[in-house]
Amino acid sequence: MERKNNIEKIESSKIVEIVKDHKNKSNKDLKLAMDFIQEDFKLTKENLIKLSHHLDKLELTYNTLFKEYESRGMVTK
């Protein structure tokens, strides 16, 4: 948990600087940037999965309601 908090405190501008000049940065800086990117990747992936599930549920709910609406003769083609 402490490590994650430390990673969150890092300014993204520092990471961008490390990435842009990675050939001249220390191993410590490279490790710092890799840890930051790895955490960001993990968080982004988790969010995408949650959003994908939410989107699937929205589609299912909409289709259920639309089917009922359609069965009542409310849709004209």
C-alpha atoms as a PDB file:
ATOM      1  CA  MET A   1       0.000   0.000   0.000  1.00  0.00           C
ATOM      2  CA  GLU A   2       2.829   2.390   0.892  1.00  0.00           C
ATOM      3  CA  ARG A   3       4.513   1.745  -2.441  1.00  0.00           C
ATOM      4  CA  LYS A   4       1.309   2.536  -4.311  1.00  0.00           C
ATOM      5  CA  ASN A   5       0.924   5.815  -2.425  1.00  0.00           C
ATOM      6  CA  ASN A   6       4.478   6.766  -3.319  1.00  0.00           C
ATOM      7  CA  ILE A   7       3.807   6.040  -6.971  1.00  0.00           C
ATOM      8  CA  GLU A   8       0.659   8.179  -6.913  1.00  0.00           C
ATOM      9  CA  LYS A   9       2.648  11.114  -5.507  1.00  0.00           C
ATOM     10  CA  ILE A  10       5.009  11.150  -8.471  1.00  0.00           C
ATOM     11  CA  GLU A  11       4.241  13.934 -10.883  1.00  0.00           C
ATOM     12  CA  SER A  12       3.485  12.735 -14.369  1.00  0.00           C
ATOM     13  CA  SER A  13       5.795  15.441 -15.749  1.00  0.00           C
ATOM     14  CA  LYS A  14       8.730  13.670 -14.076  1.00  0.00           C
ATOM     15  CA  ILE A  15       7.725  10.408 -15.753  1.00  0.00           C
ATOM     16  CA  VAL A  16       7.435  12.132 -19.124  1.00  0.00           C
ATOM     17  CA  GLU A  17      10.900  13.609 -18.606  1.00  0.00           C
ATOM     18  CA  ILE A  18      12.325  10.168 -17.815  1.00  0.00           C
ATOM     19  CA  VAL A  19      10.664   8.615 -20.864  1.00  0.00           C
ATOM     20  CA  LYS A  20      11.869  11.362 -23.213  1.00  0.00           C
ATOM     21  CA  ASP A  21      15.470  11.144 -21.978  1.00  0.00           C
ATOM     22  CA  HIS A  22      15.558   7.484 -20.980  1.00  0.00           C
ATOM     23  CA  LYS A  23      18.979   6.902 -22.540  1.00  0.00           C
ATOM     24  CA  ASN A  24      20.559   9.288 -20.031  1.00  0.00           C
ATOM     25  CA  LYS A  25      18.518   8.464 -16.946  1.00  0.00           C
ATOM     26  CA  SER A  26      19.679   6.323 -14.041  1.00  0.00           C
ATOM     27  CA  ASN A  27      18.417   2.823 -13.395  1.00  0.00           C
ATOM     28  CA  LYS A  28      16.584   4.225 -10.383  1.00  0.00           C
ATOM     29  CA  ASP A  29      14.706   6.677 -12.636  1.00  0.00           C
ATOM     30  CA  LEU A  30      13.925   3.957 -15.173  1.00  0.00           C
ATOM     31  CA  LYS A  31      12.572   1.710 -12.405  1.00  0.00           C
ATOM     32  CA  LEU A  32      10.500   4.599 -11.051  1.00  0.00           C
ATOM     33  CA  ALA A  33       8.980   5.248 -14.482  1.00  0.00           C
ATOM     34  CA  MET A  34       8.346   1.547 -15.120  1.00  0.00           C
ATOM     35  CA  ASP A  35       6.597   1.168 -11.754  1.00  0.00           C
ATOM     36  CA  PHE A  36       4.465   4.233 -12.440  1.00  0.00           C
ATOM     37  CA  ILE A  37       3.535   2.999 -15.917  1.00  0.00           C
ATOM     38  CA  GLN A  38       2.810  -0.507 -14.649  1.00  0.00           C
ATOM     39  CA  GLU A  39       0.439   0.847 -11.972  1.00  0.00           C
ATOM     40  CA  ASP A  40      -1.239   3.150 -14.495  1.00  0.00           C
ATOM     41  CA  PHE A  41      -1.644   0.244 -16.927  1.00  0.00           C
ATOM     42  CA  LYS A  42      -3.174  -1.922 -14.202  1.00  0.00           C
ATOM     43  CA  LEU A  43      -5.605   0.802 -13.157  1.00  0.00           C
ATOM     44  CA  THR A  44      -6.556   1.576 -16.758  1.00  0.00           C
ATOM     45  CA  LYS A  45      -7.140  -2.105 -17.502  1.00  0.00           C
ATOM     46  CA  GLU A  46      -9.360  -2.508 -14.415  1.00  0.00           C
ATOM     47  CA  ASN A  47     -11.372   0.564 -15.398  1.00  0.00           C
ATOM     48  CA  LEU A  48     -11.816  -0.671 -18.966  1.00  0.00           C
ATOM     49  CA  ILE A  49     -13.078  -4.023 -17.723  1.00  0.00           C
ATOM     50  CA  LYS A  50     -15.549  -2.323 -15.363  1.00  0.00           C
ATOM     51  CA  LEU A  51     -16.730  -0.015 -18.126  1.00  0.00           C
ATOM     52  CA  SER A  52     -17.076  -2.930 -20.526  1.00  0.00           C
ATOM     53  CA  HIS A  53     -19.295  -4.771 -18.030  1.00  0.00           C
ATOM     54  CA  HIS A  54     -21.322  -1.617 -17.483  1.00  0.00           C
ATOM     55  CA  LEU A  55     -21.755  -1.153 -21.235  1.00  0.00           C
ATOM     56  CA  ASP A  56     -22.909  -4.765 -21.615  1.00  0.00           C
ATOM     57  CA  LYS A  57     -25.489  -4.280 -18.847  1.00  0.00           C
ATOM     58  CA  LEU A  58     -26.714  -1.046 -20.411  1.00  0.00           C
ATOM     59  CA  GLU A  59     -27.145  -2.750 -23.769  1.00  0.00           C
ATOM     60  CA  LEU A  60     -29.017  -5.671 -22.216  1.00  0.00           C
ATOM     61  CA  THR A  61     -31.308  -3.329 -20.271  1.00  0.00           C
ATOM     62  CA  TYR A  62     -31.987  -1.181 -23.313  1.00  0.00           C
ATOM     63  CA  ASN A  63     -32.762  -4.216 -25.462  1.00  0.00           C
ATOM     64  CA  THR A  64     -35.146  -5.558 -22.804  1.00  0.00           C
ATOM     65  CA  LEU A  65     -37.007  -2.253 -22.631  1.00  0.00           C
ATOM     66  CA  PHE A  66     -37.027  -1.835 -26.397  1.00  0.00           C
ATOM     67  CA  LYS A  67     -38.432  -5.322 -26.885  1.00  0.00           C
ATOM     68  CA  GLU A  68     -41.293  -4.503 -24.488  1.00  0.00           C
ATOM     69  CA  TYR A  69     -41.870  -1.137 -26.166  1.00  0.00           C
ATOM     70  CA  GLU A  70     -41.883  -2.813 -29.574  1.00  0.00           C
ATOM     71  CA  SER A  71     -44.337  -5.509 -28.403  1.00  0.00           C
ATOM     72  CA  ARG A  72     -46.785  -2.728 -27.501  1.00  0.00           C
ATOM     73  CA  GLY A  73     -46.817  -1.619 -31.118  1.00  0.00           C
ATOM     74  CA  MET A  74     -45.050   1.647 -30.399  1.00  0.00           C
ATOM     75  CA  VAL A  75     -42.374   1.257 -33.068  1.00  0.00           C
ATOM     76  CA  THR A  76     -43.166   2.196 -36.637  1.00  0.00           C
ATOM     77  CA  LYS A  77     -40.934   1.013 -39.429  1.00  0.00           C
END
